[in-house]
Amino acid sequence: MGIENRRWKGLFAPTEVVELKQMCLTPGQMFQPGKYKAEDLPEIAFEMGLVESVTNRETQQDKVDPASENE
């Protein structure tokens, strides 16, 4: 059994860009996977673990030193 990645909308600034990893269906709307402002997505997407911070992932990729990969 995997570790759950549950979050809540309050962890993100309303204007922070996040990535919706899977389609999210609500009674009134369908959200396709992609990048959105956190304020544009429903709370359920965060609770289900469908949302990932784009900034954190890009920051982690920047921390990898390309020189150390060649050693």
PDB file of N, CA and C in Angstrom:
ATOM      1  N   MET A   1       0.844  -1.184   0.000  1.00  0.00           N
ATOM      2  CA  MET A   1       0.000   0.000   0.000  1.00  0.00           C
ATOM      3  C   MET A   1       0.883   1.239   0.000  1.00  0.00           C
ATOM      4  N   GLY A   2       0.609   2.176  -0.890  1.00  0.00           N
ATOM      5  CA  GLY A   2       1.422   3.371  -1.023  1.00  0.00           C
ATOM      6  C   GLY A   2       1.087   4.431   0.014  1.00  0.00           C
ATOM      7  N   ILE A   3       1.969   5.372   0.124  1.00  0.00           N
ATOM      8  CA  ILE A   3       1.758   6.494   1.030  1.00  0.00           C
ATOM      9  C   ILE A   3       0.804   7.473   0.358  1.00  0.00           C
ATOM     10  N   GLU A   4      -0.207   7.913   1.081  1.00  0.00           N
ATOM     11  CA  GLU A   4      -1.159   8.856   0.523  1.00  0.00           C
ATOM     12  C   GLU A   4      -0.542  10.248   0.472  1.00  0.00           C
ATOM     13  N   ASN A   5      -0.831  10.953  -0.590  1.00  0.00           N
ATOM     14  CA  ASN A   5      -0.342  12.310  -0.769  1.00  0.00           C
ATOM     15  C   ASN A   5      -1.523  13.259  -0.670  1.00  0.00           C
ATOM     16  N   ARG A   6      -2.055  13.423   0.526  1.00  0.00           N
ATOM     17  CA  ARG A   6      -3.229  14.269   0.717  1.00  0.00           C
ATOM     18  C   ARG A   6      -2.781  15.669   1.106  1.00  0.00           C
ATOM     19  N   ARG A   7      -3.434  16.640   0.531  1.00  0.00           N
ATOM     20  CA  ARG A   7      -3.140  18.040   0.818  1.00  0.00           C
ATOM     21  C   ARG A   7      -4.456  18.779   0.977  1.00  0.00           C
ATOM     22  N   TRP A   8      -4.370  20.025   1.321  1.00  0.00           N
ATOM     23  CA  TRP A   8      -5.552  20.863   1.351  1.00  0.00           C
ATOM     24  C   TRP A   8      -5.220  22.166   0.671  1.00  0.00           C
ATOM     25  N   LYS A   9      -6.235  22.789   0.161  1.00  0.00           N
ATOM     26  CA  LYS A   9      -6.079  23.982  -0.675  1.00  0.00           C
ATOM     27  C   LYS A   9      -5.336  25.102   0.049  1.00  0.00           C
ATOM     28  N   GLY A  10      -5.458  25.171   1.362  1.00  0.00           N
ATOM     29  CA  GLY A  10      -4.817  26.223   2.146  1.00  0.00           C
ATOM     30  C   GLY A  10      -3.295  26.153   2.160  1.00  0.00           C
ATOM     31  N   LEU A  11      -2.716  25.052   1.714  1.00  0.00           N
ATOM     32  CA  LEU A  11      -1.256  24.934   1.662  1.00  0.00           C
ATOM     33  C   LEU A  11      -0.660  25.761   0.529  1.00  0.00           C
ATOM     34  N   PHE A  12      -1.487  26.170  -0.403  1.00  0.00           N
ATOM     35  CA  PHE A  12      -1.016  26.881  -1.582  1.00  0.00           C
ATOM     36  C   PHE A  12      -1.549  28.304  -1.585  1.00  0.00           C
ATOM     37  N   ALA A  13      -0.737  29.239  -2.068  1.00  0.00           N
ATOM     38  CA  ALA A  13      -1.205  30.607  -2.262  1.00  0.00           C
ATOM     39  C   ALA A  13      -2.257  30.581  -3.367  1.00  0.00           C
ATOM     40  N   PRO A  14      -3.283  31.409  -3.283  1.00  0.00           N
ATOM     41  CA  PRO A  14      -4.339  31.387  -4.298  1.00  0.00           C
ATOM     42  C   PRO A  14      -3.825  31.569  -5.728  1.00  0.00           C
ATOM     43  N   THR A  15      -2.773  32.335  -5.908  1.00  0.00           N
ATOM     44  CA  THR A  15      -2.259  32.578  -7.259  1.00  0.00           C
ATOM     45  C   THR A  15      -1.112  31.644  -7.634  1.00  0.00           C
ATOM     46  N   GLU A  16      -0.762  30.705  -6.745  1.00  0.00           N
ATOM     47  CA  GLU A  16       0.321  29.760  -7.036  1.00  0.00           C
ATOM     48  C   GLU A  16      -0.105  28.802  -8.148  1.00  0.00           C
ATOM     49  N   VAL A  17       0.804  28.553  -9.074  1.00  0.00           N
ATOM     50  CA  VAL A  17       0.514  27.624 -10.166  1.00  0.00           C
ATOM     51  C   VAL A  17       0.772  26.205  -9.675  1.00  0.00           C
ATOM     52  N   VAL A  18      -0.233  25.354  -9.853  1.00  0.00           N
ATOM     53  CA  VAL A  18      -0.148  23.946  -9.459  1.00  0.00           C
ATOM     54  C   VAL A  18      -0.495  23.083 -10.666  1.00  0.00           C
ATOM     55  N   GLU A  19      -0.129  21.805 -10.589  1.00  0.00           N
ATOM     56  CA  GLU A  19      -0.437  20.893 -11.677  1.00  0.00           C
ATOM     57  C   GLU A  19      -1.470  19.870 -11.227  1.00  0.00           C
ATOM     58  N   LEU A  20      -2.524  19.769 -11.992  1.00  0.00           N
ATOM     59  CA  LEU A  20      -3.532  18.742 -11.778  1.00  0.00           C
ATOM     60  C   LEU A  20      -3.066  17.517 -12.541  1.00  0.00           C
ATOM     61  N   LYS A  21      -2.789  16.416 -11.827  1.00  0.00           N
ATOM     62  CA  LYS A  21      -2.185  15.229 -12.439  1.00  0.00           C
ATOM     63  C   LYS A  21      -3.192  14.328 -13.138  1.00  0.00           C
ATOM     64  N   GLN A  22      -4.450  14.366 -12.711  1.00  0.00           N
ATOM     65  CA  GLN A  22      -5.491  13.521 -13.301  1.00  0.00           C
ATOM     66  C   GLN A  22      -6.757  14.342 -13.490  1.00  0.00           C
ATOM     67  N   MET A  23      -7.634  13.849 -14.333  1.00  0.00           N
ATOM     68  CA  MET A  23      -8.913  14.522 -14.536  1.00  0.00           C
ATOM     69  C   MET A  23      -9.682  14.557 -13.218  1.00  0.00           C
ATOM     70  N   CYS A  24     -10.349  15.659 -12.975  1.00  0.00           N
ATOM     71  CA  CYS A  24     -11.144  15.830 -11.756  1.00  0.00           C
ATOM     72  C   CYS A  24     -12.562  16.219 -12.170  1.00  0.00           C
ATOM     73  N   LEU A  25     -13.528  15.404 -11.759  1.00  0.00           N
ATOM     74  CA  LEU A  25     -14.929  15.660 -12.075  1.00  0.00           C
ATOM     75  C   LEU A  25     -15.659  16.141 -10.834  1.00  0.00           C
ATOM     76  N   THR A  26     -16.396  17.229 -10.986  1.00  0.00           N
ATOM     77  CA  THR A  26     -17.263  17.726  -9.930  1.00  0.00           C
ATOM     78  C   THR A  26     -18.677  17.749 -10.502  1.00  0.00           C
ATOM     79  N   PRO A  27     -19.697  17.906  -9.680  1.00  0.00           N
ATOM     80  CA  PRO A  27     -21.056  17.925 -10.224  1.00  0.00           C
ATOM     81  C   PRO A  27     -21.281  18.999 -11.289  1.00  0.00           C
ATOM     82  N   GLY A  28     -20.536  20.085 -11.235  1.00  0.00           N
ATOM     83  CA  GLY A  28     -20.774  21.168 -12.179  1.00  0.00           C
ATOM     84  C   GLY A  28     -19.702  21.389 -13.224  1.00  0.00           C
ATOM     85  N   GLN A  29     -18.571  20.694 -13.102  1.00  0.00           N
ATOM     86  CA  GLN A  29     -17.458  21.002 -14.000  1.00  0.00           C
ATOM     87  C   GLN A  29     -16.500  19.820 -14.137  1.00  0.00           C
ATOM     88  N   MET A  30     -15.759  19.802 -15.248  1.00  0.00           N
ATOM     89  CA  MET A  30     -14.734  18.794 -15.478  1.00  0.00           C
ATOM     90  C   MET A  30     -13.403  19.523 -15.668  1.00  0.00           C
ATOM     91  N   PHE A  31     -12.393  19.115 -14.921  1.00  0.00           N
ATOM     92  CA  PHE A  31     -11.068  19.722 -15.009  1.00  0.00           C
ATOM     93  C   PHE A  31     -10.115  18.725 -15.657  1.00  0.00           C
ATOM     94  N   GLN A  32      -9.504  19.115 -16.755  1.00  0.00           N
ATOM     95  CA  GLN A  32      -8.528  18.291 -17.453  1.00  0.00           C
ATOM     96  C   GLN A  32      -7.163  18.427 -16.770  1.00  0.00           C
ATOM     97  N   PRO A  33      -6.299  17.416 -16.867  1.00  0.00           N
ATOM     98  CA  PRO A  33      -4.945  17.535 -16.316  1.00  0.00           C
ATOM     99  C   PRO A  33      -4.222  18.732 -16.948  1.00  0.00           C
ATOM    100  N   GLY A  34      -3.429  19.403 -16.140  1.00  0.00           N
ATOM    101  CA  GLY A  34      -2.683  20.554 -16.630  1.00  0.00           C
ATOM    102  C   GLY A  34      -2.351  21.498 -15.494  1.00  0.00           C
ATOM    103  N   LYS A  35      -1.892  22.679 -15.858  1.00  0.00           N
ATOM    104  CA  LYS A  35      -1.491  23.677 -14.864  1.00  0.00           C
ATOM    105  C   LYS A  35      -2.621  24.676 -14.655  1.00  0.00           C
ATOM    106  N   TYR A  36      -2.879  24.981 -13.382  1.00  0.00           N
ATOM    107  CA  TYR A  36      -3.937  25.900 -12.988  1.00  0.00           C
ATOM    108  C   TYR A  36      -3.433  26.762 -11.835  1.00  0.00           C
ATOM    109  N   LYS A  37      -4.103  27.881 -11.592  1.00  0.00           N
ATOM    110  CA  LYS A  37      -3.909  28.609 -10.347  1.00  0.00           C
ATOM    111  C   LYS A  37      -4.636  27.810  -9.272  1.00  0.00           C
ATOM    112  N   ALA A  38      -4.080  27.765  -8.087  1.00  0.00           N
ATOM    113  CA  ALA A  38      -4.678  26.986  -6.997  1.00  0.00           C
ATOM    114  C   ALA A  38      -6.120  27.411  -6.729  1.00  0.00           C
ATOM    115  N   GLU A  39      -6.413  28.686  -6.868  1.00  0.00           N
ATOM    116  CA  GLU A  39      -7.760  29.179  -6.588  1.00  0.00           C
ATOM    117  C   GLU A  39      -8.791  28.698  -7.612  1.00  0.00           C
ATOM    118  N   ASP A  40      -8.345  28.241  -8.779  1.00  0.00           N
ATOM    119  CA  ASP A  40      -9.265  27.812  -9.836  1.00  0.00           C
ATOM    120  C   ASP A  40      -9.719  26.358  -9.698  1.00  0.00           C
ATOM    121  N   LEU A  41      -9.052  25.588  -8.838  1.00  0.00           N
ATOM    122  CA  LEU A  41      -9.377  24.168  -8.681  1.00  0.00           C
ATOM    123  C   LEU A  41     -10.269  23.948  -7.460  1.00  0.00           C
ATOM    124  N   PRO A  42     -11.121  22.924  -7.501  1.00  0.00           N
ATOM    125  CA  PRO A  42     -11.980  22.640  -6.345  1.00  0.00           C
ATOM    126  C   PRO A  42     -11.188  21.986  -5.208  1.00  0.00           C
ATOM    127  N   GLU A  43     -11.682  22.142  -4.016  1.00  0.00           N
ATOM    128  CA  GLU A  43     -11.049  21.580  -2.815  1.00  0.00           C
ATOM    129  C   GLU A  43     -10.849  20.067  -2.937  1.00  0.00           C
ATOM    130  N   ILE A  44     -11.795  19.390  -3.557  1.00  0.00           N
ATOM    131  CA  ILE A  44     -11.729  17.922  -3.651  1.00  0.00           C
ATOM    132  C   ILE A  44     -10.498  17.459  -4.411  1.00  0.00           C
ATOM    133  N   ALA A  45     -10.030  18.229  -5.376  1.00  0.00           N
ATOM    134  CA  ALA A  45      -8.829  17.855  -6.131  1.00  0.00           C
ATOM    135  C   ALA A  45      -7.611  17.804  -5.212  1.00  0.00           C
ATOM    136  N   PHE A  46      -7.548  18.712  -4.261  1.00  0.00           N
ATOM    137  CA  PHE A  46      -6.438  18.737  -3.302  1.00  0.00           C
ATOM    138  C   PHE A  46      -6.580  17.583  -2.312  1.00  0.00           C
ATOM    139  N   GLU A  47      -7.799  17.359  -1.829  1.00  0.00           N
ATOM    140  CA  GLU A  47      -8.041  16.303  -0.849  1.00  0.00           C
ATOM    141  C   GLU A  47      -7.765  14.915  -1.418  1.00  0.00           C
ATOM    142  N   MET A  48      -8.008  14.740  -2.706  1.00  0.00           N
ATOM    143  CA  MET A  48      -7.785  13.441  -3.343  1.00  0.00           C
ATOM    144  C   MET A  48      -6.324  13.234  -3.742  1.00  0.00           C
ATOM    145  N   GLY A  49      -5.483  14.236  -3.546  1.00  0.00           N
ATOM    146  CA  GLY A  49      -4.069  14.109  -3.881  1.00  0.00           C
ATOM    147  C   GLY A  49      -3.787  14.232  -5.369  1.00  0.00           C
ATOM    148  N   LEU A  50      -4.665  14.904  -6.101  1.00  0.00           N
ATOM    149  CA  LEU A  50      -4.498  15.051  -7.542  1.00  0.00           C
ATOM    150  C   LEU A  50      -3.661  16.268  -7.925  1.00  0.00           C
ATOM    151  N   VAL A  51      -3.312  17.091  -6.940  1.00  0.00           N
ATOM    152  CA  VAL A  51      -2.624  18.354  -7.211  1.00  0.00           C
ATOM    153  C   VAL A  51      -1.197  18.305  -6.688  1.00  0.00           C
ATOM    154  N   GLU A  52      -0.288  18.820  -7.496  1.00  0.00           N
ATOM    155  CA  GLU A  52       1.127  18.870  -7.131  1.00  0.00           C
ATOM    156  C   GLU A  52       1.640  20.286  -7.381  1.00  0.00           C
ATOM    157  N   SER A  53       2.511  20.754  -6.517  1.00  0.00           N
ATOM    158  CA  SER A  53       3.080  22.079  -6.688  1.00  0.00           C
ATOM    159  C   SER A  53       4.090  22.083  -7.825  1.00  0.00           C
ATOM    160  N   VAL A  54       3.924  22.960  -8.772  1.00  0.00           N
ATOM    161  CA  VAL A  54       4.845  23.068  -9.896  1.00  0.00           C
ATOM    162  C   VAL A  54       6.161  23.682  -9.424  1.00  0.00           C
ATOM    163  N   THR A  55       6.087  24.663  -8.555  1.00  0.00           N
ATOM    164  CA  THR A  55       7.271  25.362  -8.082  1.00  0.00           C
ATOM    165  C   THR A  55       8.215  24.434  -7.345  1.00  0.00           C
ATOM    166  N   ASN A  56       7.686  23.594  -6.470  1.00  0.00           N
ATOM    167  CA  ASN A  56       8.536  22.678  -5.707  1.00  0.00           C
ATOM    168  C   ASN A  56       9.232  21.677  -6.618  1.00  0.00           C
ATOM    169  N   ARG A  57       8.513  21.148  -7.614  1.00  0.00           N
ATOM    170  CA  ARG A  57       9.103  20.171  -8.510  1.00  0.00           C
ATOM    171  C   ARG A  57      10.212  20.814  -9.346  1.00  0.00           C
ATOM    172  N   GLU A  58       9.992  22.028  -9.843  1.00  0.00           N
ATOM    173  CA  GLU A  58      11.015  22.715 -10.633  1.00  0.00           C
ATOM    174  C   GLU A  58      12.215  23.063  -9.765  1.00  0.00           C
ATOM    175  N   THR A  59      11.976  23.425  -8.504  1.00  0.00           N
ATOM    176  CA  THR A  59      13.065  23.741  -7.589  1.00  0.00           C
ATOM    177  C   THR A  59      13.905  22.498  -7.321  1.00  0.00           C
ATOM    178  N   GLN A  60      13.267  21.346  -7.156  1.00  0.00           N
ATOM    179  CA  GLN A  60      14.001  20.109  -6.907  1.00  0.00           C
ATOM    180  C   GLN A  60      14.846  19.739  -8.112  1.00  0.00           C
ATOM    181  N   GLN A  61      14.351  19.952  -9.314  1.00  0.00           N
ATOM    182  CA  GLN A  61      15.118  19.652 -10.517  1.00  0.00           C
ATOM    183  C   GLN A  61      16.319  20.576 -10.636  1.00  0.00           C
ATOM    184  N   ASP A  62      16.173  21.836 -10.214  1.00  0.00           N
ATOM    185  CA  ASP A  62      17.278  22.787 -10.268  1.00  0.00           C
ATOM    186  C   ASP A  62      18.384  22.419  -9.289  1.00  0.00           C
ATOM    187  N   LYS A  63      18.036  21.714  -8.194  1.00  0.00           N
ATOM    188  CA  LYS A  63      19.020  21.347  -7.185  1.00  0.00           C
ATOM    189  C   LYS A  63      19.957  20.239  -7.657  1.00  0.00           C
ATOM    190  N   VAL A  64      19.563  19.481  -8.656  1.00  0.00           N
ATOM    191  CA  VAL A  64      20.404  18.403  -9.172  1.00  0.00           C
ATOM    192  C   VAL A  64      21.563  19.032  -9.925  1.00  0.00           C
ATOM    193  N   ASP A  65      22.773  18.689  -9.529  1.00  0.00           N
ATOM    194  CA  ASP A  65      23.975  19.236 -10.151  1.00  0.00           C
ATOM    195  C   ASP A  65      24.351  18.370 -11.345  1.00  0.00           C
ATOM    196  N   PRO A  66      24.261  18.900 -12.579  1.00  0.00           N
ATOM    197  CA  PRO A  66      24.588  18.089 -13.751  1.00  0.00           C
ATOM    198  C   PRO A  66      26.016  17.546 -13.727  1.00  0.00           C
ATOM    199  N   ALA A  67      26.956  18.243 -13.120  1.00  0.00           N
ATOM    200  CA  ALA A  67      28.343  17.788 -13.045  1.00  0.00           C
ATOM    201  C   ALA A  67      28.461  16.521 -12.214  1.00  0.00           C
ATOM    202  N   SER A  68      27.652  16.398 -11.166  1.00  0.00           N
ATOM    203  CA  SER A  68      27.738  15.219 -10.303  1.00  0.00           C
ATOM    204  C   SER A  68      27.156  13.986 -10.980  1.00  0.00           C
ATOM    205  N   GLU A  69      26.316  14.160 -12.005  1.00  0.00           N
ATOM    206  CA  GLU A  69      25.740  13.024 -12.716  1.00  0.00           C
ATOM    207  C   GLU A  69      26.775  12.349 -13.626  1.00  0.00           C
ATOM    208  N   ASN A  70      27.795  13.099 -14.035  1.00  0.00           N
ATOM    209  CA  ASN A  70      28.804  12.579 -14.959  1.00  0.00           C
ATOM    210  C   ASN A  70      29.920  11.815 -14.256  1.00  0.00           C
ATOM    211  N   GLU A  71      29.965  11.894 -12.958  1.00  0.00           N
ATOM    212  CA  GLU A  71      31.044  11.241 -12.200  1.00  0.00           C
ATOM    213  C   GLU A  71      30.814   9.769 -12.037  1.00  0.00           C
TER     214      GLU A  71
END
